[in-house]
Amino acid sequence: MSTETTQSVQPSEANHTSTDSSVDVSITSAVSTGILLTDVAAEKVAALLAQEGRDDLSLRVAVQPGGCSGLRYQLYFDDRALDGDNVTEFGSVKVVTDKMSTPYLMGASIDFVDTIEKQGFTIDNPNAQGSCACGDSFN
């Protein structure tokens, strides 16, 4: 059972800095990392980055403990490169996942919806066995 969660990316969360230049980062295709960013989502991320005037940022997608169901997604802009990061490029947009989150995100698809009912990024994750009623977390 896959679940879908809506997340907002806040440009103000991009104030992470790193001075460590020796990190192990692998740039791979979506096939090997398993995360997919739809064209609509990639266009929205690119537009948000252009609005901020920053081309040095990546969209970081992470899975963290929390929420009613035990795990929750975090989406934010980041300029850091952490040891073991997986980087997937979708045109001009780079999507980064840390080595602990990657297994949870294998096969996940990130889209952007803009309807009268909701606006934001959605994650369709085939690894999620269930989610809470509010849709903010999964297990």
N, C-alpha and C. Protein backbone atom coordinates (compact mmCIF):
# COMPACT_ATOMS: atom_id res chain seq x y z
N MET A 1 0.85 -1.18 0.00
CA MET A 1 0.00 0.00 0.00
C MET A 1 0.88 1.23 0.00
N SER A 2 0.67 2.11 -0.93
CA SER A 2 1.45 3.34 -0.94
C SER A 2 0.62 4.46 -0.34
N THR A 3 1.32 5.39 0.29
CA THR A 3 0.63 6.53 0.87
C THR A 3 1.13 7.79 0.21
N GLU A 4 0.34 8.83 0.30
CA GLU A 4 0.70 10.09 -0.32
C GLU A 4 0.69 11.16 0.75
N THR A 5 1.75 11.93 0.84
CA THR A 5 1.89 12.98 1.83
C THR A 5 2.19 14.28 1.13
N THR A 6 1.61 15.38 1.60
CA THR A 6 1.87 16.69 1.01
C THR A 6 2.82 17.44 1.92
N GLN A 7 3.87 18.03 1.34
CA GLN A 7 4.85 18.80 2.09
C GLN A 7 5.11 20.11 1.37
N SER A 8 5.42 21.14 2.12
CA SER A 8 5.82 22.42 1.54
C SER A 8 7.32 22.57 1.69
N VAL A 9 7.95 23.15 0.70
CA VAL A 9 9.38 23.44 0.77
C VAL A 9 9.52 24.92 1.05
N GLN A 10 10.21 25.25 2.11
CA GLN A 10 10.39 26.63 2.49
C GLN A 10 11.78 27.10 2.11
N PRO A 11 11.89 28.09 1.24
CA PRO A 11 13.20 28.61 0.86
C PRO A 11 14.01 29.11 2.05
N SER A 12 13.36 29.57 3.10
CA SER A 12 14.08 30.09 4.25
C SER A 12 14.83 29.01 5.00
N GLU A 13 14.50 27.75 4.74
CA GLU A 13 15.19 26.65 5.40
C GLU A 13 16.50 26.31 4.70
N ALA A 14 16.94 27.14 3.78
CA ALA A 14 18.13 26.86 2.99
C ALA A 14 19.39 27.45 3.60
N ASN A 15 19.35 27.85 4.83
CA ASN A 15 20.48 28.52 5.43
C ASN A 15 21.46 27.57 6.10
N HIS A 16 21.64 26.39 5.55
CA HIS A 16 22.60 25.43 6.07
C HIS A 16 23.92 25.66 5.35
N THR A 17 25.00 25.68 6.12
CA THR A 17 26.30 25.85 5.49
C THR A 17 27.22 24.72 5.91
N SER A 18 28.19 24.46 5.08
CA SER A 18 29.14 23.41 5.37
C SER A 18 30.51 23.84 4.89
N THR A 19 31.52 23.61 5.71
CA THR A 19 32.87 23.91 5.30
C THR A 19 33.65 22.65 5.00
N ASP A 20 33.04 21.48 5.20
CA ASP A 20 33.71 20.21 4.94
C ASP A 20 33.68 19.93 3.44
N SER A 21 34.86 19.88 2.83
CA SER A 21 34.91 19.66 1.39
C SER A 21 35.24 18.22 1.04
N SER A 22 35.43 17.34 2.02
CA SER A 22 35.77 15.95 1.72
C SER A 22 34.65 15.02 2.16
N VAL A 23 33.62 14.94 1.35
CA VAL A 23 32.50 14.07 1.66
C VAL A 23 32.29 13.11 0.51
N ASP A 24 31.72 11.95 0.83
CA ASP A 24 31.45 10.93 -0.16
C ASP A 24 30.03 11.09 -0.66
N VAL A 25 29.87 11.67 -1.84
CA VAL A 25 28.56 11.91 -2.44
C VAL A 25 28.51 11.16 -3.75
N SER A 26 27.42 10.42 -3.97
CA SER A 26 27.29 9.72 -5.23
C SER A 26 26.16 10.35 -6.04
N ILE A 27 26.45 10.68 -7.30
CA ILE A 27 25.44 11.22 -8.20
C ILE A 27 25.00 10.06 -9.09
N THR A 28 23.71 9.74 -9.00
CA THR A 28 23.20 8.58 -9.71
C THR A 28 21.91 8.92 -10.43
N SER A 29 21.41 7.97 -11.16
CA SER A 29 20.14 8.15 -11.85
C SER A 29 19.00 7.71 -10.94
N ALA A 30 17.79 8.08 -11.31
CA ALA A 30 16.62 7.72 -10.51
C ALA A 30 16.42 6.22 -10.45
N VAL A 31 16.89 5.50 -11.47
CA VAL A 31 16.69 4.05 -11.49
C VAL A 31 17.42 3.39 -10.34
N SER A 32 18.65 3.82 -10.03
CA SER A 32 19.41 3.17 -8.99
C SER A 32 19.05 3.66 -7.59
N THR A 33 18.67 4.93 -7.45
CA THR A 33 18.30 5.42 -6.13
C THR A 33 16.83 5.19 -5.85
N GLY A 34 16.05 5.10 -6.91
CA GLY A 34 14.64 4.79 -6.74
C GLY A 34 13.74 5.96 -6.49
N ILE A 35 14.25 7.17 -6.32
CA ILE A 35 13.40 8.32 -6.10
C ILE A 35 13.15 9.00 -7.44
N LEU A 36 11.92 9.46 -7.64
CA LEU A 36 11.55 10.08 -8.91
C LEU A 36 10.90 11.43 -8.62
N LEU A 37 11.32 12.44 -9.35
CA LEU A 37 10.73 13.76 -9.28
C LEU A 37 10.01 13.98 -10.60
N THR A 38 8.69 14.19 -10.54
CA THR A 38 7.94 14.40 -11.78
C THR A 38 8.37 15.71 -12.43
N ASP A 39 8.03 15.85 -13.71
CA ASP A 39 8.36 17.08 -14.43
C ASP A 39 7.72 18.30 -13.77
N VAL A 40 6.48 18.15 -13.33
CA VAL A 40 5.76 19.26 -12.67
C VAL A 40 6.48 19.65 -11.38
N ALA A 41 6.89 18.66 -10.60
CA ALA A 41 7.60 18.94 -9.35
C ALA A 41 8.96 19.57 -9.62
N ALA A 42 9.67 19.08 -10.64
CA ALA A 42 10.98 19.64 -10.98
C ALA A 42 10.84 21.09 -11.42
N GLU A 43 9.80 21.40 -12.18
CA GLU A 43 9.55 22.78 -12.61
C GLU A 43 9.27 23.68 -11.41
N LYS A 44 8.50 23.18 -10.44
CA LYS A 44 8.18 23.98 -9.25
C LYS A 44 9.43 24.22 -8.41
N VAL A 45 10.24 23.19 -8.22
CA VAL A 45 11.48 23.36 -7.46
C VAL A 45 12.39 24.36 -8.16
N ALA A 46 12.53 24.24 -9.48
CA ALA A 46 13.37 25.17 -10.23
C ALA A 46 12.84 26.60 -10.10
N ALA A 47 11.53 26.77 -10.12
CA ALA A 47 10.93 28.10 -9.98
C ALA A 47 11.20 28.68 -8.58
N LEU A 48 11.09 27.85 -7.55
CA LEU A 48 11.37 28.31 -6.19
C LEU A 48 12.83 28.71 -6.02
N LEU A 49 13.72 27.92 -6.62
CA LEU A 49 15.15 28.24 -6.55
C LEU A 49 15.45 29.54 -7.31
N ALA A 50 14.81 29.73 -8.46
CA ALA A 50 15.00 30.96 -9.23
C ALA A 50 14.48 32.16 -8.45
N GLN A 51 13.35 31.97 -7.76
CA GLN A 51 12.77 33.04 -6.96
C GLN A 51 13.73 33.45 -5.84
N GLU A 52 14.44 32.49 -5.28
CA GLU A 52 15.41 32.77 -4.24
C GLU A 52 16.73 33.32 -4.81
N GLY A 53 16.92 33.15 -6.11
CA GLY A 53 18.16 33.58 -6.73
C GLY A 53 19.33 32.70 -6.37
N ARG A 54 19.04 31.42 -6.09
CA ARG A 54 20.10 30.49 -5.66
C ARG A 54 20.14 29.31 -6.62
N ASP A 55 21.32 29.05 -7.16
CA ASP A 55 21.48 27.87 -8.01
C ASP A 55 22.42 26.86 -7.35
N ASP A 56 22.80 27.13 -6.10
CA ASP A 56 23.70 26.25 -5.37
C ASP A 56 22.95 25.29 -4.43
N LEU A 57 21.64 25.33 -4.46
CA LEU A 57 20.84 24.53 -3.53
C LEU A 57 20.29 23.27 -4.19
N SER A 58 20.12 22.25 -3.37
CA SER A 58 19.47 21.01 -3.80
C SER A 58 18.21 20.81 -2.97
N LEU A 59 17.28 20.02 -3.50
CA LEU A 59 16.11 19.64 -2.72
C LEU A 59 16.50 18.40 -1.92
N ARG A 60 16.55 18.54 -0.61
CA ARG A 60 16.87 17.41 0.25
C ARG A 60 15.57 16.76 0.71
N VAL A 61 15.47 15.45 0.51
CA VAL A 61 14.32 14.68 0.95
C VAL A 61 14.83 13.70 2.00
N ALA A 62 14.28 13.79 3.19
CA ALA A 62 14.73 12.95 4.29
C ALA A 62 13.55 12.29 4.98
N VAL A 63 13.82 11.18 5.62
CA VAL A 63 12.84 10.50 6.46
C VAL A 63 13.36 10.57 7.88
N GLN A 64 12.53 11.10 8.78
CA GLN A 64 12.92 11.29 10.17
C GLN A 64 11.88 10.66 11.09
N PRO A 65 12.30 10.22 12.28
CA PRO A 65 11.31 9.74 13.25
C PRO A 65 10.36 10.86 13.62
N GLY A 66 9.08 10.52 13.78
CA GLY A 66 8.12 11.52 14.21
C GLY A 66 6.75 11.28 13.64
N GLY A 67 5.82 12.07 14.07
CA GLY A 67 4.44 11.96 13.60
C GLY A 67 3.70 10.83 14.29
N CYS A 68 2.42 10.73 14.00
CA CYS A 68 1.55 9.72 14.62
C CYS A 68 1.94 8.29 14.25
N SER A 69 2.43 8.12 13.03
CA SER A 69 2.72 6.78 12.52
C SER A 69 4.17 6.36 12.66
N GLY A 70 5.01 7.24 13.17
CA GLY A 70 6.39 6.85 13.44
C GLY A 70 7.45 7.50 12.56
N LEU A 71 7.14 7.78 11.31
CA LEU A 71 8.11 8.40 10.40
C LEU A 71 7.45 9.55 9.65
N ARG A 72 8.24 10.56 9.34
CA ARG A 72 7.71 11.68 8.56
C ARG A 72 8.74 12.14 7.56
N TYR A 73 8.25 12.71 6.47
CA TYR A 73 9.12 13.24 5.43
C TYR A 73 9.55 14.66 5.77
N GLN A 74 10.76 15.01 5.36
CA GLN A 74 11.21 16.39 5.41
C GLN A 74 11.70 16.75 4.02
N LEU A 75 11.22 17.85 3.50
CA LEU A 75 11.67 18.39 2.22
C LEU A 75 12.14 19.81 2.48
N TYR A 76 13.38 20.09 2.10
CA TYR A 76 13.89 21.44 2.27
C TYR A 76 15.07 21.66 1.34
N PHE A 77 15.39 22.92 1.10
CA PHE A 77 16.54 23.26 0.28
C PHE A 77 17.78 23.22 1.15
N ASP A 78 18.86 22.70 0.56
CA ASP A 78 20.09 22.51 1.32
C ASP A 78 21.29 22.74 0.42
N ASP A 79 22.32 23.37 0.97
CA ASP A 79 23.55 23.56 0.20
C ASP A 79 24.66 22.65 0.70
N ARG A 80 24.35 21.78 1.62
CA ARG A 80 25.36 20.87 2.18
C ARG A 80 25.50 19.60 1.35
N ALA A 81 26.67 19.02 1.42
CA ALA A 81 26.91 17.69 0.87
C ALA A 81 27.41 16.84 2.03
N LEU A 82 26.59 15.89 2.46
CA LEU A 82 26.93 15.06 3.61
C LEU A 82 27.51 13.73 3.15
N ASP A 83 28.32 13.15 3.98
CA ASP A 83 28.94 11.88 3.67
C ASP A 83 27.87 10.82 3.41
N GLY A 84 27.94 10.16 2.27
CA GLY A 84 26.99 9.10 1.93
C GLY A 84 25.73 9.58 1.22
N ASP A 85 25.63 10.87 0.92
CA ASP A 85 24.46 11.39 0.22
C ASP A 85 24.32 10.76 -1.16
N ASN A 86 23.07 10.57 -1.57
CA ASN A 86 22.75 10.17 -2.94
C ASN A 86 22.14 11.39 -3.62
N VAL A 87 22.68 11.74 -4.78
CA VAL A 87 22.20 12.89 -5.53
C VAL A 87 21.64 12.40 -6.86
N THR A 88 20.40 12.77 -7.13
CA THR A 88 19.76 12.43 -8.40
C THR A 88 19.42 13.73 -9.10
N GLU A 89 19.78 13.84 -10.37
CA GLU A 89 19.54 15.06 -11.11
C GLU A 89 18.34 14.91 -12.03
N PHE A 90 17.47 15.91 -11.98
CA PHE A 90 16.29 15.99 -12.85
C PHE A 90 16.37 17.33 -13.56
N GLY A 91 17.04 17.35 -14.70
CA GLY A 91 17.31 18.61 -15.39
C GLY A 91 18.25 19.45 -14.56
N SER A 92 17.83 20.66 -14.21
CA SER A 92 18.68 21.54 -13.41
C SER A 92 18.49 21.34 -11.91
N VAL A 93 17.57 20.46 -11.53
CA VAL A 93 17.25 20.24 -10.12
C VAL A 93 17.97 19.00 -9.60
N LYS A 94 18.63 19.18 -8.45
CA LYS A 94 19.28 18.05 -7.79
C LYS A 94 18.45 17.66 -6.57
N VAL A 95 18.15 16.36 -6.46
CA VAL A 95 17.44 15.84 -5.30
C VAL A 95 18.44 15.02 -4.50
N VAL A 96 18.57 15.34 -3.22
CA VAL A 96 19.55 14.69 -2.35
C VAL A 96 18.82 13.91 -1.27
N THR A 97 19.28 12.67 -1.04
CA THR A 97 18.80 11.87 0.08
C THR A 97 20.01 11.38 0.86
N ASP A 98 19.87 11.36 2.18
CA ASP A 98 20.97 10.86 3.00
C ASP A 98 20.93 9.32 3.00
N LYS A 99 22.04 8.72 3.42
CA LYS A 99 22.16 7.27 3.32
C LYS A 99 21.16 6.52 4.20
N MET A 100 20.68 7.14 5.26
CA MET A 100 19.69 6.47 6.13
C MET A 100 18.28 6.55 5.54
N SER A 101 17.98 7.61 4.81
CA SER A 101 16.64 7.80 4.24
C SER A 101 16.45 7.06 2.93
N THR A 102 17.52 6.83 2.18
CA THR A 102 17.42 6.24 0.85
C THR A 102 16.61 4.95 0.82
N PRO A 103 16.83 3.99 1.73
CA PRO A 103 16.04 2.75 1.65
C PRO A 103 14.53 2.98 1.82
N TYR A 104 14.14 3.96 2.62
CA TYR A 104 12.72 4.28 2.81
C TYR A 104 12.11 4.92 1.58
N LEU A 105 12.94 5.52 0.73
CA LEU A 105 12.46 6.29 -0.41
C LEU A 105 12.61 5.57 -1.74
N MET A 106 13.06 4.32 -1.73
CA MET A 106 13.21 3.55 -2.97
C MET A 106 11.85 3.41 -3.65
N GLY A 107 11.75 3.86 -4.88
CA GLY A 107 10.50 3.77 -5.63
C GLY A 107 9.53 4.90 -5.37
N ALA A 108 9.88 5.83 -4.50
CA ALA A 108 8.98 6.94 -4.18
C ALA A 108 8.95 7.95 -5.33
N SER A 109 7.78 8.53 -5.53
CA SER A 109 7.58 9.52 -6.57
C SER A 109 7.12 10.83 -5.92
N ILE A 110 7.83 11.91 -6.23
CA ILE A 110 7.48 13.22 -5.69
C ILE A 110 6.84 14.04 -6.80
N ASP A 111 5.66 14.56 -6.52
CA ASP A 111 4.92 15.36 -7.48
C ASP A 111 4.54 16.68 -6.82
N PHE A 112 4.05 17.61 -7.61
CA PHE A 112 3.53 18.86 -7.08
C PHE A 112 2.11 19.03 -7.57
N VAL A 113 1.19 19.29 -6.63
CA VAL A 113 -0.21 19.50 -6.99
C VAL A 113 -0.60 20.93 -6.63
N ASP A 114 -1.46 21.50 -7.46
CA ASP A 114 -1.96 22.85 -7.23
C ASP A 114 -3.43 22.86 -7.62
N THR A 115 -4.26 22.51 -6.67
CA THR A 115 -5.70 22.47 -6.91
C THR A 115 -6.39 23.40 -5.91
N ILE A 116 -7.69 23.52 -6.06
CA ILE A 116 -8.46 24.33 -5.12
C ILE A 116 -8.45 23.70 -3.72
N GLU A 117 -8.25 22.38 -3.65
CA GLU A 117 -8.27 21.67 -2.37
C GLU A 117 -6.93 21.67 -1.66
N LYS A 118 -5.83 21.59 -2.42
CA LYS A 118 -4.53 21.56 -1.77
C LYS A 118 -3.45 22.01 -2.74
N GLN A 119 -2.36 22.46 -2.15
CA GLN A 119 -1.20 22.85 -2.93
C GLN A 119 0.03 22.37 -2.18
N GLY A 120 0.93 21.74 -2.90
CA GLY A 120 2.18 21.31 -2.29
C GLY A 120 2.74 20.09 -2.96
N PHE A 121 3.86 19.67 -2.44
CA PHE A 121 4.51 18.47 -2.94
C PHE A 121 3.85 17.24 -2.32
N THR A 122 3.66 16.23 -3.13
CA THR A 122 3.11 14.97 -2.64
C THR A 122 4.15 13.88 -2.85
N ILE A 123 4.16 12.92 -1.96
CA ILE A 123 5.08 11.79 -2.06
C ILE A 123 4.25 10.52 -2.09
N ASP A 124 4.37 9.80 -3.18
CA ASP A 124 3.73 8.50 -3.31
C ASP A 124 4.82 7.46 -3.07
N ASN A 125 4.76 6.81 -1.92
CA ASN A 125 5.83 5.91 -1.50
C ASN A 125 5.32 4.48 -1.37
N PRO A 126 5.77 3.58 -2.26
CA PRO A 126 5.31 2.20 -2.18
C PRO A 126 5.84 1.46 -0.95
N ASN A 127 6.82 2.00 -0.26
CA ASN A 127 7.37 1.36 0.94
C ASN A 127 6.55 1.65 2.18
N ALA A 128 5.70 2.66 2.14
CA ALA A 128 4.89 3.02 3.30
C ALA A 128 3.75 2.02 3.44
N GLN A 129 3.66 1.44 4.61
CA GLN A 129 2.61 0.44 4.87
C GLN A 129 1.31 1.09 5.33
N GLY A 130 1.39 2.30 5.80
CA GLY A 130 0.20 3.00 6.25
C GLY A 130 0.57 4.42 6.64
N SER A 131 -0.46 5.23 6.88
CA SER A 131 -0.21 6.61 7.30
C SER A 131 -1.27 7.00 8.31
N CYS A 132 -1.01 8.10 9.00
CA CYS A 132 -1.98 8.59 9.97
C CYS A 132 -3.11 9.31 9.23
N ALA A 133 -4.15 9.64 9.97
CA ALA A 133 -5.31 10.28 9.36
C ALA A 133 -5.00 11.65 8.77
N CYS A 134 -4.06 12.37 9.39
CA CYS A 134 -3.73 13.71 8.89
C CYS A 134 -2.82 13.64 7.66
N GLY A 135 -2.20 12.50 7.41
CA GLY A 135 -1.36 12.33 6.23
C GLY A 135 0.04 12.88 6.36
N ASP A 136 0.43 13.31 7.56
CA ASP A 136 1.76 13.88 7.74
C ASP A 136 2.84 12.86 8.06
N SER A 137 2.46 11.65 8.42
CA SER A 137 3.46 10.66 8.74
C SER A 137 3.06 9.29 8.19
N PHE A 138 4.02 8.36 8.22
CA PHE A 138 3.79 7.03 7.67
C PHE A 138 4.58 6.01 8.47
N ASN A 139 4.29 4.73 8.18
CA ASN A 139 5.07 3.64 8.78
C ASN A 139 5.37 2.59 7.75
